[in-house]
Amino acid sequence: MANKETILTAEGLKKLEDELENLRSVRRQEVAERLKVAISYGDISENSEYDDAKSEQAFIEGRILELEQMIKTATIIDDAAGRKEGVVSLGSTVLLKDTETGEVETYTVVGTTEADPFNNRISNESPVGAAILGKEVHTVVVANTPAGELSYEILEVK
């Protein structure tokens, strides 16, 4: 597997590190205890508690490996460094106006790891994120989304 760069804000990196620490120090011990209790029930061949605990253990170990890789390949988005004023880049907060409906939305462009559309954090690889990256204020962009073509005017870049 290629080591794909993980683009994060400093806050996003901290969240991943906190999750990793929690998995290593808390969740591993909880699952180990569940396994111990399940084994004490006797025959593990038909023990659903044991099977559930083993499945959870596998998930936790997989997530630990995934987090370690993301942290190892992390590139931190510096909120101001190298950013041209008025041009959308990673870490920018952008005010977009839907040219069809006139609706105005605010989005922050982040890497895929931190994307959370329900909290207006869009990925640089999403259709809208990719369409606005590198564009200036007052530019109209067209994003090819699963819902069809959407057109936005960039009103402001912070």
C-alpha atoms as a PDB file:
ATOM      1  CA  MET A   1       0.000   0.000   0.000  1.00  0.00           C
ATOM      2  CA  ALA A   2       1.366   3.414  -0.961  1.00  0.00           C
ATOM      3  CA  ASN A   3       1.892   5.930   1.797  1.00  0.00           C
ATOM      4  CA  LYS A   4      -0.740   8.500   0.881  1.00  0.00           C
ATOM      5  CA  GLU A   5      -0.276  11.914   2.433  1.00  0.00           C
ATOM      6  CA  THR A   6      -2.822  12.725   5.146  1.00  0.00           C
ATOM      7  CA  ILE A   7      -3.727  16.419   5.052  1.00  0.00           C
ATOM      8  CA  LEU A   8      -4.818  17.727   8.456  1.00  0.00           C
ATOM      9  CA  THR A   9      -5.223  20.863  10.487  1.00  0.00           C
ATOM     10  CA  ALA A  10      -3.323  20.990  13.784  1.00  0.00           C
ATOM     11  CA  GLU A  11      -6.677  20.412  15.506  1.00  0.00           C
ATOM     12  CA  GLY A  12      -7.353  17.369  13.309  1.00  0.00           C
ATOM     13  CA  LEU A  13      -3.957  15.871  14.112  1.00  0.00           C
ATOM     14  CA  LYS A  14      -4.619  16.342  17.831  1.00  0.00           C
ATOM     15  CA  LYS A  15      -7.974  14.514  17.482  1.00  0.00           C
ATOM     16  CA  LEU A  16      -6.290  11.568  15.740  1.00  0.00           C
ATOM     17  CA  GLU A  17      -3.561  11.420  18.390  1.00  0.00           C
ATOM     18  CA  ASP A  18      -6.179  11.518  21.163  1.00  0.00           C
ATOM     19  CA  GLU A  19      -8.193   8.740  19.509  1.00  0.00           C
ATOM     20  CA  LEU A  20      -5.040   6.634  19.110  1.00  0.00           C
ATOM     21  CA  GLU A  21      -4.089   7.120  22.756  1.00  0.00           C
ATOM     22  CA  ASN A  22      -7.627   6.179  23.862  1.00  0.00           C
ATOM     23  CA  LEU A  23      -7.596   3.017  21.745  1.00  0.00           C
ATOM     24  CA  ARG A  24      -4.180   1.966  23.046  1.00  0.00           C
ATOM     25  CA  SER A  25      -4.670   2.754  26.725  1.00  0.00           C
ATOM     26  CA  VAL A  26      -8.409   2.327  27.369  1.00  0.00           C
ATOM     27  CA  ARG A  27     -10.197   0.334  24.683  1.00  0.00           C
ATOM     28  CA  ARG A  28      -7.540  -2.409  24.404  1.00  0.00           C
ATOM     29  CA  GLN A  29      -7.829  -3.065  28.153  1.00  0.00           C
ATOM     30  CA  GLU A  30     -11.635  -3.064  28.019  1.00  0.00           C
ATOM     31  CA  VAL A  31     -11.649  -5.670  25.243  1.00  0.00           C
ATOM     32  CA  ALA A  32      -8.993  -7.755  26.994  1.00  0.00           C
ATOM     33  CA  GLU A  33     -11.221  -7.812  30.082  1.00  0.00           C
ATOM     34  CA  ARG A  34     -14.263  -8.784  27.970  1.00  0.00           C
ATOM     35  CA  LEU A  35     -12.258 -11.636  26.439  1.00  0.00           C
ATOM     36  CA  LYS A  36     -11.152 -12.806  29.867  1.00  0.00           C
ATOM     37  CA  VAL A  37     -14.749 -12.860  31.111  1.00  0.00           C
ATOM     38  CA  ALA A  38     -15.996 -14.600  27.951  1.00  0.00           C
ATOM     39  CA  ILE A  39     -13.322 -17.287  28.235  1.00  0.00           C
ATOM     40  CA  SER A  40     -14.357 -17.876  31.858  1.00  0.00           C
ATOM     41  CA  TYR A  41     -17.811 -18.913  30.568  1.00  0.00           C
ATOM     42  CA  GLY A  42     -16.262 -22.077  29.171  1.00  0.00           C
ATOM     43  CA  ASP A  43     -16.536 -23.520  25.646  1.00  0.00           C
ATOM     44  CA  ILE A  44     -15.493 -20.678  23.332  1.00  0.00           C
ATOM     45  CA  SER A  45     -16.607 -22.479  20.152  1.00  0.00           C
ATOM     46  CA  GLU A  46     -20.232 -21.435  20.752  1.00  0.00           C
ATOM     47  CA  ASN A  47     -19.649 -18.361  22.869  1.00  0.00           C
ATOM     48  CA  SER A  48     -21.152 -15.217  21.297  1.00  0.00           C
ATOM     49  CA  GLU A  49     -19.574 -12.975  23.959  1.00  0.00           C
ATOM     50  CA  TYR A  50     -16.156 -14.284  22.954  1.00  0.00           C
ATOM     51  CA  ASP A  51     -16.889 -13.841  19.227  1.00  0.00           C
ATOM     52  CA  ASP A  52     -18.094 -10.251  19.775  1.00  0.00           C
ATOM     53  CA  ALA A  53     -15.037  -9.384  21.858  1.00  0.00           C
ATOM     54  CA  LYS A  54     -12.675 -10.887  19.233  1.00  0.00           C
ATOM     55  CA  SER A  55     -14.424  -8.894  16.489  1.00  0.00           C
ATOM     56  CA  GLU A  56     -14.108  -5.699  18.508  1.00  0.00           C
ATOM     57  CA  GLN A  57     -10.452  -6.475  19.229  1.00  0.00           C
ATOM     58  CA  ALA A  58      -9.774  -6.908  15.497  1.00  0.00           C
ATOM     59  CA  PHE A  59     -11.527  -3.605  14.742  1.00  0.00           C
ATOM     60  CA  ILE A  60      -9.530  -1.755  17.415  1.00  0.00           C
ATOM     61  CA  GLU A  61      -6.211  -3.181  16.240  1.00  0.00           C
ATOM     62  CA  GLY A  62      -7.057  -2.280  12.634  1.00  0.00           C
ATOM     63  CA  ARG A  63      -8.022   1.254  13.615  1.00  0.00           C
ATOM     64  CA  ILE A  64      -4.783   1.642  15.607  1.00  0.00           C
ATOM     65  CA  LEU A  65      -2.764   0.674  12.523  1.00  0.00           C
ATOM     66  CA  GLU A  66      -4.802   3.063  10.372  1.00  0.00           C
ATOM     67  CA  LEU A  67      -4.331   5.969  12.814  1.00  0.00           C
ATOM     68  CA  GLU A  68      -0.594   5.297  13.160  1.00  0.00           C
ATOM     69  CA  GLN A  69      -0.254   5.435   9.361  1.00  0.00           C
ATOM     70  CA  MET A  70      -2.297   8.650   9.075  1.00  0.00           C
ATOM     71  CA  ILE A  71      -0.242  10.342  11.798  1.00  0.00           C
ATOM     72  CA  LYS A  72       3.012   9.157  10.246  1.00  0.00           C
ATOM     73  CA  THR A  73       2.080  10.606   6.836  1.00  0.00           C
ATOM     74  CA  ALA A  74       0.389  13.754   8.181  1.00  0.00           C
ATOM     75  CA  THR A  75       0.956  17.104   6.530  1.00  0.00           C
ATOM     76  CA  ILE A  76      -0.322  19.970   8.638  1.00  0.00           C
ATOM     77  CA  ILE A  77      -2.253  22.772   6.955  1.00  0.00           C
ATOM     78  CA  ASP A  78      -0.825  26.006   8.306  1.00  0.00           C
ATOM     79  CA  ASP A  79      -3.676  28.478   8.649  1.00  0.00           C
ATOM     80  CA  ALA A  80      -1.735  31.369   7.121  1.00  0.00           C
ATOM     81  CA  ALA A  81       1.557  30.176   5.631  1.00  0.00           C
ATOM     82  CA  GLY A  82       1.853  30.480   1.891  1.00  0.00           C
ATOM     83  CA  ARG A  83      -1.769  31.456   1.472  1.00  0.00           C
ATOM     84  CA  LYS A  84      -2.603  34.120  -1.092  1.00  0.00           C
ATOM     85  CA  GLU A  85      -5.269  36.504   0.105  1.00  0.00           C
ATOM     86  CA  GLY A  86      -8.586  36.022  -1.674  1.00  0.00           C
ATOM     87  CA  VAL A  87      -7.605  32.633  -3.154  1.00  0.00           C
ATOM     88  CA  VAL A  88      -9.160  29.375  -1.921  1.00  0.00           C
ATOM     89  CA  SER A  89      -6.635  26.906  -0.508  1.00  0.00           C
ATOM     90  CA  LEU A  90      -6.594  24.097   2.052  1.00  0.00           C
ATOM     91  CA  GLY A  91      -7.681  25.496   5.386  1.00  0.00           C
ATOM     92  CA  SER A  92      -9.625  28.399   3.825  1.00  0.00           C
ATOM     93  CA  THR A  93     -13.094  29.254   5.025  1.00  0.00           C
ATOM     94  CA  VAL A  94     -15.175  30.187   1.999  1.00  0.00           C
ATOM     95  CA  LEU A  95     -18.518  31.943   1.606  1.00  0.00           C
ATOM     96  CA  LEU A  96     -20.300  30.442  -1.433  1.00  0.00           C
ATOM     97  CA  LYS A  97     -23.494  31.588  -3.104  1.00  0.00           C
ATOM     98  CA  ASP A  98     -25.521  29.065  -5.094  1.00  0.00           C
ATOM     99  CA  THR A  99     -26.103  30.944  -8.374  1.00  0.00           C
ATOM    100  CA  GLU A 100     -29.396  29.156  -8.976  1.00  0.00           C
ATOM    101  CA  THR A 101     -31.090  29.509  -5.578  1.00  0.00           C
ATOM    102  CA  GLY A 102     -29.169  32.461  -4.146  1.00  0.00           C
ATOM    103  CA  GLU A 103     -28.555  30.456  -0.971  1.00  0.00           C
ATOM    104  CA  VAL A 104     -25.292  31.336   0.798  1.00  0.00           C
ATOM    105  CA  GLU A 105     -23.215  28.722   2.662  1.00  0.00           C
ATOM    106  CA  THR A 106     -19.920  28.865   4.526  1.00  0.00           C
ATOM    107  CA  TYR A 107     -17.474  25.970   4.137  1.00  0.00           C
ATOM    108  CA  THR A 108     -13.977  25.213   5.374  1.00  0.00           C
ATOM    109  CA  VAL A 109     -11.810  23.276   2.906  1.00  0.00           C
ATOM    110  CA  VAL A 110      -9.934  20.463   4.674  1.00  0.00           C
ATOM    111  CA  GLY A 111      -8.290  17.148   3.807  1.00  0.00           C
ATOM    112  CA  THR A 112     -10.459  14.040   3.416  1.00  0.00           C
ATOM    113  CA  THR A 113      -9.665  12.800   6.936  1.00  0.00           C
ATOM    114  CA  GLU A 114     -11.329  15.818   8.546  1.00  0.00           C
ATOM    115  CA  ALA A 115     -14.184  16.263   6.082  1.00  0.00           C
ATOM    116  CA  ASP A 116     -17.550  16.600   7.793  1.00  0.00           C
ATOM    117  CA  PRO A 117     -20.188  18.035   5.443  1.00  0.00           C
ATOM    118  CA  PHE A 118     -22.774  18.213   8.235  1.00  0.00           C
ATOM    119  CA  ASN A 119     -20.475  20.706   9.992  1.00  0.00           C
ATOM    120  CA  ASN A 120     -19.585  22.557   6.772  1.00  0.00           C
ATOM    121  CA  ARG A 121     -16.095  21.042   6.491  1.00  0.00           C
ATOM    122  CA  ILE A 122     -15.653  19.845   2.909  1.00  0.00           C
ATOM    123  CA  SER A 123     -12.835  17.770   1.494  1.00  0.00           C
ATOM    124  CA  ASN A 124     -10.413  19.196  -1.025  1.00  0.00           C
ATOM    125  CA  GLU A 125     -11.230  16.082  -3.078  1.00  0.00           C
ATOM    126  CA  SER A 126     -15.022  16.549  -2.997  1.00  0.00           C
ATOM    127  CA  PRO A 127     -16.665  17.945  -6.145  1.00  0.00           C
ATOM    128  CA  VAL A 128     -17.253  21.381  -4.608  1.00  0.00           C
ATOM    129  CA  GLY A 129     -13.907  21.445  -2.786  1.00  0.00           C
ATOM    130  CA  ALA A 130     -11.989  20.530  -5.935  1.00  0.00           C
ATOM    131  CA  ALA A 131     -13.944  23.094  -7.997  1.00  0.00           C
ATOM    132  CA  ILE A 132     -13.161  26.025  -5.677  1.00  0.00           C
ATOM    133  CA  LEU A 133      -9.506  25.240  -4.840  1.00  0.00           C
ATOM    134  CA  GLY A 134      -7.177  27.861  -6.319  1.00  0.00           C
ATOM    135  CA  LYS A 135     -10.051  30.129  -7.342  1.00  0.00           C
ATOM    136  CA  GLU A 136     -10.416  33.797  -6.371  1.00  0.00           C
ATOM    137  CA  VAL A 137     -13.233  35.851  -4.874  1.00  0.00           C
ATOM    138  CA  HIS A 138     -16.065  36.650  -7.337  1.00  0.00           C
ATOM    139  CA  THR A 139     -15.209  33.621  -9.503  1.00  0.00           C
ATOM    140  CA  VAL A 140     -18.140  31.429 -10.545  1.00  0.00           C
ATOM    141  CA  VAL A 141     -17.349  27.711 -10.464  1.00  0.00           C
ATOM    142  CA  VAL A 142     -19.285  24.649 -11.596  1.00  0.00           C
ATOM    143  CA  ALA A 143     -19.093  21.474  -9.512  1.00  0.00           C
ATOM    144  CA  ASN A 144     -20.133  18.124 -10.992  1.00  0.00           C
ATOM    145  CA  THR A 145     -21.851  16.483  -8.022  1.00  0.00           C
ATOM    146  CA  PRO A 146     -23.949  13.319  -7.728  1.00  0.00           C
ATOM    147  CA  ALA A 147     -26.971  15.667  -7.672  1.00  0.00           C
ATOM    148  CA  GLY A 148     -25.893  17.190 -10.998  1.00  0.00           C
ATOM    149  CA  GLU A 149     -24.017  20.341 -11.913  1.00  0.00           C
ATOM    150  CA  LEU A 150     -24.075  23.031  -9.241  1.00  0.00           C
ATOM    151  CA  SER A 151     -22.836  26.554  -9.820  1.00  0.00           C
ATOM    152  CA  TYR A 152     -21.397  28.724  -7.043  1.00  0.00           C
ATOM    153  CA  GLU A 153     -19.987  32.211  -6.787  1.00  0.00           C
ATOM    154  CA  ILE A 154     -17.123  32.651  -4.320  1.00  0.00           C
ATOM    155  CA  LEU A 155     -18.135  35.664  -2.200  1.00  0.00           C
ATOM    156  CA  GLU A 156     -15.379  35.655   0.416  1.00  0.00           C
ATOM    157  CA  VAL A 157     -12.254  33.716   1.380  1.00  0.00           C
ATOM    158  CA  LYS A 158     -10.895  33.830   4.939  1.00  0.00           C
END
